[in-house]
Amino acid sequence: METKDCYGNTLSAGDSVMLIKDLKVKGTSVTLKQGTKIKNIRLTDSEEEIECNTDKVKGLVLRTEFLKKV
């Protein structure tokens, strides 16, 4: 199973990614802005999702279709 970003680049644990779109986080009033850099991602059992922490939200799960590898 390979996890890939929106451009088809392979992601691995510990990589840094950047958001390509503004995302509203469910359950909070936080909006993650386009261009936000997220460090030290963790892979999940699903190839379409990753886990990460941001400054504002901890334990966040993001879909890879909104990320690009940095």
PDB file of N, CA and C in Angstrom:
ATOM      1  N   MET A   1       0.851  -1.185   0.000  1.00  0.00           N
ATOM      2  CA  MET A   1       0.000   0.000   0.000  1.00  0.00           C
ATOM      3  C   MET A   1       0.889   1.239   0.000  1.00  0.00           C
ATOM      4  N   GLU A   2       0.676   2.125  -0.950  1.00  0.00           N
ATOM      5  CA  GLU A   2       1.424   3.367  -1.052  1.00  0.00           C
ATOM      6  C   GLU A   2       0.502   4.545  -0.824  1.00  0.00           C
ATOM      7  N   THR A   3       0.945   5.467   0.015  1.00  0.00           N
ATOM      8  CA  THR A   3       0.205   6.695   0.249  1.00  0.00           C
ATOM      9  C   THR A   3       0.803   7.768  -0.641  1.00  0.00           C
ATOM     10  N   LYS A   4      -0.049   8.431  -1.439  1.00  0.00           N
ATOM     11  CA  LYS A   4       0.430   9.441  -2.385  1.00  0.00           C
ATOM     12  C   LYS A   4      -0.289  10.756  -2.160  1.00  0.00           C
ATOM     13  N   ASP A   5       0.422  11.860  -2.447  1.00  0.00           N
ATOM     14  CA  ASP A   5      -0.193  13.183  -2.340  1.00  0.00           C
ATOM     15  C   ASP A   5      -1.023  13.474  -3.594  1.00  0.00           C
ATOM     16  N   CYS A   6      -1.529  14.688  -3.713  1.00  0.00           N
ATOM     17  CA  CYS A   6      -2.409  15.029  -4.833  1.00  0.00           C
ATOM     18  C   CYS A   6      -1.697  14.988  -6.181  1.00  0.00           C
ATOM     19  N   TYR A   7      -0.372  15.078  -6.201  1.00  0.00           N
ATOM     20  CA  TYR A   7       0.383  15.050  -7.451  1.00  0.00           C
ATOM     21  C   TYR A   7       0.995  13.688  -7.741  1.00  0.00           C
ATOM     22  N   GLY A   8       0.731  12.695  -6.887  1.00  0.00           N
ATOM     23  CA  GLY A   8       1.233  11.352  -7.121  1.00  0.00           C
ATOM     24  C   GLY A   8       2.582  11.058  -6.492  1.00  0.00           C
ATOM     25  N   ASN A   9       3.119  11.984  -5.700  1.00  0.00           N
ATOM     26  CA  ASN A   9       4.384  11.734  -5.002  1.00  0.00           C
ATOM     27  C   ASN A   9       4.129  10.823  -3.807  1.00  0.00           C
ATOM     28  N   THR A  10       5.010   9.868  -3.582  1.00  0.00           N
ATOM     29  CA  THR A  10       4.854   8.926  -2.480  1.00  0.00           C
ATOM     30  C   THR A  10       5.198   9.599  -1.157  1.00  0.00           C
ATOM     31  N   LEU A  11       4.312   9.428  -0.166  1.00  0.00           N
ATOM     32  CA  LEU A  11       4.522   9.973   1.163  1.00  0.00           C
ATOM     33  C   LEU A  11       5.000   8.869   2.094  1.00  0.00           C
ATOM     34  N   SER A  12       5.860   9.220   3.040  1.00  0.00           N
ATOM     35  CA  SER A  12       6.307   8.270   4.054  1.00  0.00           C
ATOM     36  C   SER A  12       6.243   8.953   5.415  1.00  0.00           C
ATOM     37  N   ALA A  13       6.308   8.164   6.471  1.00  0.00           N
ATOM     38  CA  ALA A  13       6.222   8.696   7.831  1.00  0.00           C
ATOM     39  C   ALA A  13       7.367   9.676   8.067  1.00  0.00           C
ATOM     40  N   GLY A  14       7.059  10.816   8.682  1.00  0.00           N
ATOM     41  CA  GLY A  14       8.060  11.822   8.983  1.00  0.00           C
ATOM     42  C   GLY A  14       8.207  12.897   7.925  1.00  0.00           C
ATOM     43  N   ASP A  15       7.537  12.757   6.794  1.00  0.00           N
ATOM     44  CA  ASP A  15       7.609  13.769   5.732  1.00  0.00           C
ATOM     45  C   ASP A  15       6.912  15.060   6.159  1.00  0.00           C
ATOM     46  N   SER A  16       7.184  16.119   5.432  1.00  0.00           N
ATOM     47  CA  SER A  16       6.480  17.394   5.599  1.00  0.00           C
ATOM     48  C   SER A  16       5.589  17.606   4.391  1.00  0.00           C
ATOM     49  N   VAL A  17       4.396  18.125   4.630  1.00  0.00           N
ATOM     50  CA  VAL A  17       3.434  18.371   3.559  1.00  0.00           C
ATOM     51  C   VAL A  17       2.880  19.786   3.692  1.00  0.00           C
ATOM     52  N   MET A  18       2.251  20.262   2.614  1.00  0.00           N
ATOM     53  CA  MET A  18       1.643  21.581   2.597  1.00  0.00           C
ATOM     54  C   MET A  18       0.211  21.457   2.089  1.00  0.00           C
ATOM     55  N   LEU A  19      -0.695  22.243   2.668  1.00  0.00           N
ATOM     56  CA  LEU A  19      -2.089  22.237   2.239  1.00  0.00           C
ATOM     57  C   LEU A  19      -2.235  22.988   0.922  1.00  0.00           C
ATOM     58  N   ILE A  20      -3.045  22.455   0.015  1.00  0.00           N
ATOM     59  CA  ILE A  20      -3.278  23.117  -1.260  1.00  0.00           C
ATOM     60  C   ILE A  20      -4.626  23.835  -1.287  1.00  0.00           C
ATOM     61  N   LYS A  21      -5.369  23.766  -0.166  1.00  0.00           N
ATOM     62  CA  LYS A  21      -6.708  24.338  -0.109  1.00  0.00           C
ATOM     63  C   LYS A  21      -7.017  24.702   1.341  1.00  0.00           C
ATOM     64  N   ASP A  22      -7.805  25.753   1.575  1.00  0.00           N
ATOM     65  CA  ASP A  22      -8.270  26.072   2.923  1.00  0.00           C
ATOM     66  C   ASP A  22      -9.187  24.957   3.398  1.00  0.00           C
ATOM     67  N   LEU A  23      -8.982  24.494   4.630  1.00  0.00           N
ATOM     68  CA  LEU A  23      -9.789  23.412   5.170  1.00  0.00           C
ATOM     69  C   LEU A  23     -10.394  23.823   6.505  1.00  0.00           C
ATOM     70  N   LYS A  24     -11.701  23.642   6.660  1.00  0.00           N
ATOM     71  CA  LYS A  24     -12.364  23.861   7.940  1.00  0.00           C
ATOM     72  C   LYS A  24     -12.260  22.554   8.728  1.00  0.00           C
ATOM     73  N   VAL A  25     -11.886  22.656  10.003  1.00  0.00           N
ATOM     74  CA  VAL A  25     -11.729  21.476  10.850  1.00  0.00           C
ATOM     75  C   VAL A  25     -13.044  21.236  11.576  1.00  0.00           C
ATOM     76  N   LYS A  26     -13.621  20.055  11.374  1.00  0.00           N
ATOM     77  CA  LYS A  26     -14.893  19.729  12.014  1.00  0.00           C
ATOM     78  C   LYS A  26     -14.742  19.710  13.528  1.00  0.00           C
ATOM     79  N   GLY A  27     -15.743  20.211  14.221  1.00  0.00           N
ATOM     80  CA  GLY A  27     -15.745  20.196  15.673  1.00  0.00           C
ATOM     81  C   GLY A  27     -15.001  21.358  16.311  1.00  0.00           C
ATOM     82  N   THR A  28     -14.399  22.225  15.501  1.00  0.00           N
ATOM     83  CA  THR A  28     -13.699  23.404  16.014  1.00  0.00           C
ATOM     84  C   THR A  28     -14.050  24.602  15.146  1.00  0.00           C
ATOM     85  N   SER A  29     -13.606  25.772  15.575  1.00  0.00           N
ATOM     86  CA  SER A  29     -13.826  26.981  14.767  1.00  0.00           C
ATOM     87  C   SER A  29     -12.576  27.322  13.961  1.00  0.00           C
ATOM     88  N   VAL A  30     -11.648  26.377  13.860  1.00  0.00           N
ATOM     89  CA  VAL A  30     -10.363  26.603  13.200  1.00  0.00           C
ATOM     90  C   VAL A  30     -10.466  26.333  11.701  1.00  0.00           C
ATOM     91  N   THR A  31      -9.857  27.191  10.910  1.00  0.00           N
ATOM     92  CA  THR A  31      -9.692  26.965   9.477  1.00  0.00           C
ATOM     93  C   THR A  31      -8.207  26.928   9.182  1.00  0.00           C
ATOM     94  N   LEU A  32      -7.734  25.828   8.607  1.00  0.00           N
ATOM     95  CA  LEU A  32      -6.337  25.712   8.202  1.00  0.00           C
ATOM     96  C   LEU A  32      -6.204  26.343   6.824  1.00  0.00           C
ATOM     97  N   LYS A  33      -5.323  27.295   6.692  1.00  0.00           N
ATOM     98  CA  LYS A  33      -5.178  28.065   5.457  1.00  0.00           C
ATOM     99  C   LYS A  33      -4.310  27.347   4.424  1.00  0.00           C
ATOM    100  N   GLN A  34      -4.562  27.649   3.167  1.00  0.00           N
ATOM    101  CA  GLN A  34      -3.748  27.134   2.075  1.00  0.00           C
ATOM    102  C   GLN A  34      -2.305  27.561   2.293  1.00  0.00           C
ATOM    103  N   GLY A  35      -1.374  26.635   2.075  1.00  0.00           N
ATOM    104  CA  GLY A  35       0.036  26.938   2.252  1.00  0.00           C
ATOM    105  C   GLY A  35       0.570  26.600   3.625  1.00  0.00           C
ATOM    106  N   THR A  36      -0.304  26.141   4.540  1.00  0.00           N
ATOM    107  CA  THR A  36       0.147  25.749   5.872  1.00  0.00           C
ATOM    108  C   THR A  36       1.035  24.524   5.761  1.00  0.00           C
ATOM    109  N   LYS A  37       2.215  24.600   6.366  1.00  0.00           N
ATOM    110  CA  LYS A  37       3.164  23.486   6.321  1.00  0.00           C
ATOM    111  C   LYS A  37       2.966  22.616   7.556  1.00  0.00           C
ATOM    112  N   ILE A  38       2.881  21.314   7.347  1.00  0.00           N
ATOM    113  CA  ILE A  38       2.690  20.347   8.423  1.00  0.00           C
ATOM    114  C   ILE A  38       3.876  19.399   8.414  1.00  0.00           C
ATOM    115  N   LYS A  39       4.530  19.274   9.564  1.00  0.00           N
ATOM    116  CA  LYS A  39       5.732  18.453   9.674  1.00  0.00           C
ATOM    117  C   LYS A  39       5.428  17.127  10.360  1.00  0.00           C
ATOM    118  N   ASN A  40       6.282  16.149  10.132  1.00  0.00           N
ATOM    119  CA  ASN A  40       6.242  14.848  10.815  1.00  0.00           C
ATOM    120  C   ASN A  40       4.885  14.161  10.739  1.00  0.00           C
ATOM    121  N   ILE A  41       4.455  13.859   9.518  1.00  0.00           N
ATOM    122  CA  ILE A  41       3.186  13.162   9.346  1.00  0.00           C
ATOM    123  C   ILE A  41       3.343  11.696   9.745  1.00  0.00           C
ATOM    124  N   ARG A  42       2.219  11.066  10.053  1.00  0.00           N
ATOM    125  CA  ARG A  42       2.177   9.644  10.349  1.00  0.00           C
ATOM    126  C   ARG A  42       1.189   8.987   9.391  1.00  0.00           C
ATOM    127  N   LEU A  43       1.537   7.829   8.862  1.00  0.00           N
ATOM    128  CA  LEU A  43       0.661   7.124   7.937  1.00  0.00           C
ATOM    129  C   LEU A  43      -0.376   6.335   8.717  1.00  0.00           C
ATOM    130  N   THR A  44      -1.537   6.115   8.103  1.00  0.00           N
ATOM    131  CA  THR A  44      -2.615   5.346   8.721  1.00  0.00           C
ATOM    132  C   THR A  44      -2.830   4.068   7.911  1.00  0.00           C
ATOM    133  N   ASP A  45      -3.816   3.277   8.339  1.00  0.00           N
ATOM    134  CA  ASP A  45      -4.153   2.050   7.619  1.00  0.00           C
ATOM    135  C   ASP A  45      -4.764   2.362   6.251  1.00  0.00           C
ATOM    136  N   SER A  46      -5.353   3.535   6.118  1.00  0.00           N
ATOM    137  CA  SER A  46      -5.942   3.954   4.850  1.00  0.00           C
ATOM    138  C   SER A  46      -4.895   4.686   4.019  1.00  0.00           C
ATOM    139  N   GLU A  47      -4.814   4.375   2.741  1.00  0.00           N
ATOM    140  CA  GLU A  47      -3.840   5.062   1.890  1.00  0.00           C
ATOM    141  C   GLU A  47      -4.301   6.456   1.508  1.00  0.00           C
ATOM    142  N   GLU A  48      -5.534   6.832   1.850  1.00  0.00           N
ATOM    143  CA  GLU A  48      -6.060   8.154   1.515  1.00  0.00           C
ATOM    144  C   GLU A  48      -6.019   9.133   2.683  1.00  0.00           C
ATOM    145  N   GLU A  49      -5.480   8.714   3.844  1.00  0.00           N
ATOM    146  CA  GLU A  49      -5.463   9.574   5.022  1.00  0.00           C
ATOM    147  C   GLU A  49      -4.109   9.527   5.725  1.00  0.00           C
ATOM    148  N   ILE A  50      -3.764  10.649   6.375  1.00  0.00           N
ATOM    149  CA  ILE A  50      -2.574  10.720   7.222  1.00  0.00           C
ATOM    150  C   ILE A  50      -2.969  11.349   8.553  1.00  0.00           C
ATOM    151  N   GLU A  51      -2.174  11.109   9.580  1.00  0.00           N
ATOM    152  CA  GLU A  51      -2.370  11.752  10.875  1.00  0.00           C
ATOM    153  C   GLU A  51      -1.263  12.777  11.064  1.00  0.00           C
ATOM    154  N   CYS A  52      -1.594  13.876  11.757  1.00  0.00           N
ATOM    155  CA  CYS A  52      -0.591  14.919  11.979  1.00  0.00           C
ATOM    156  C   CYS A  52      -1.024  15.809  13.129  1.00  0.00           C
ATOM    157  N   ASN A  53      -0.127  16.681  13.541  1.00  0.00           N
ATOM    158  CA  ASN A  53      -0.403  17.709  14.534  1.00  0.00           C
ATOM    159  C   ASN A  53      -0.077  19.059  13.903  1.00  0.00           C
ATOM    160  N   THR A  54      -0.916  20.047  14.194  1.00  0.00           N
ATOM    161  CA  THR A  54      -0.628  21.416  13.781  1.00  0.00           C
ATOM    162  C   THR A  54      -0.527  22.265  15.039  1.00  0.00           C
ATOM    163  N   ASP A  55      -0.184  23.528  14.875  1.00  0.00           N
ATOM    164  CA  ASP A  55      -0.096  24.413  16.032  1.00  0.00           C
ATOM    165  C   ASP A  55      -1.450  24.569  16.724  1.00  0.00           C
ATOM    166  N   LYS A  56      -2.509  24.549  15.947  1.00  0.00           N
ATOM    167  CA  LYS A  56      -3.840  24.808  16.489  1.00  0.00           C
ATOM    168  C   LYS A  56      -4.598  23.545  16.876  1.00  0.00           C
ATOM    169  N   VAL A  57      -4.370  22.424  16.170  1.00  0.00           N
ATOM    170  CA  VAL A  57      -5.143  21.203  16.373  1.00  0.00           C
ATOM    171  C   VAL A  57      -4.188  20.019  16.515  1.00  0.00           C
ATOM    172  N   LYS A  58      -4.395  19.212  17.545  1.00  0.00           N
ATOM    173  CA  LYS A  58      -3.575  18.016  17.751  1.00  0.00           C
ATOM    174  C   LYS A  58      -4.387  16.787  17.349  1.00  0.00           C
ATOM    175  N   GLY A  59      -3.723  15.759  16.840  1.00  0.00           N
ATOM    176  CA  GLY A  59      -4.396  14.525  16.462  1.00  0.00           C
ATOM    177  C   GLY A  59      -5.309  14.683  15.265  1.00  0.00           C
ATOM    178  N   LEU A  60      -4.862  15.422  14.284  1.00  0.00           N
ATOM    179  CA  LEU A  60      -5.670  15.730  13.107  1.00  0.00           C
ATOM    180  C   LEU A  60      -5.481  14.661  12.042  1.00  0.00           C
ATOM    181  N   VAL A  61      -6.569  14.264  11.393  1.00  0.00           N
ATOM    182  CA  VAL A  61      -6.508  13.319  10.274  1.00  0.00           C
ATOM    183  C   VAL A  61      -6.885  14.079   9.011  1.00  0.00           C
ATOM    184  N   LEU A  62      -5.984  14.052   8.021  1.00  0.00           N
ATOM    185  CA  LEU A  62      -6.211  14.775   6.766  1.00  0.00           C
ATOM    186  C   LEU A  62      -6.230  13.813   5.588  1.00  0.00           C
ATOM    187  N   ARG A  63      -7.020  14.128   4.593  1.00  0.00           N
ATOM    188  CA  ARG A  63      -7.048  13.346   3.363  1.00  0.00           C
ATOM    189  C   ARG A  63      -5.905  13.808   2.466  1.00  0.00           C
ATOM    190  N   THR A  64      -5.277  12.859   1.797  1.00  0.00           N
ATOM    191  CA  THR A  64      -4.099  13.157   0.984  1.00  0.00           C
ATOM    192  C   THR A  64      -4.424  13.947  -0.284  1.00  0.00           C
ATOM    193  N   GLU A  65      -5.679  14.015  -0.679  1.00  0.00           N
ATOM    194  CA  GLU A  65      -6.040  14.765  -1.881  1.00  0.00           C
ATOM    195  C   GLU A  65      -5.889  16.282  -1.684  1.00  0.00           C
ATOM    196  N   PHE A  66      -5.709  16.742  -0.431  1.00  0.00           N
ATOM    197  CA  PHE A  66      -5.534  18.162  -0.143  1.00  0.00           C
ATOM    198  C   PHE A  66      -4.100  18.499   0.245  1.00  0.00           C
ATOM    199  N   LEU A  67      -3.162  17.581   0.023  1.00  0.00           N
ATOM    200  CA  LEU A  67      -1.773  17.773   0.459  1.00  0.00           C
ATOM    201  C   LEU A  67      -0.801  17.643  -0.692  1.00  0.00           C
ATOM    202  N   LYS A  68       0.316  18.369  -0.589  1.00  0.00           N
ATOM    203  CA  LYS A  68       1.430  18.149  -1.507  1.00  0.00           C
ATOM    204  C   LYS A  68       2.696  18.013  -0.677  1.00  0.00           C
ATOM    205  N   LYS A  69       3.580  17.165  -1.141  1.00  0.00           N
ATOM    206  CA  LYS A  69       4.840  16.921  -0.438  1.00  0.00           C
ATOM    207  C   LYS A  69       5.760  18.125  -0.590  1.00  0.00           C
ATOM    208  N   VAL A  70       6.444  18.481   0.501  1.00  0.00           N
ATOM    209  CA  VAL A  70       7.368  19.617   0.483  1.00  0.00           C
ATOM    210  C   VAL A  70       8.786  19.104   0.486  1.00  0.00           C
TER     211      VAL A  70
END
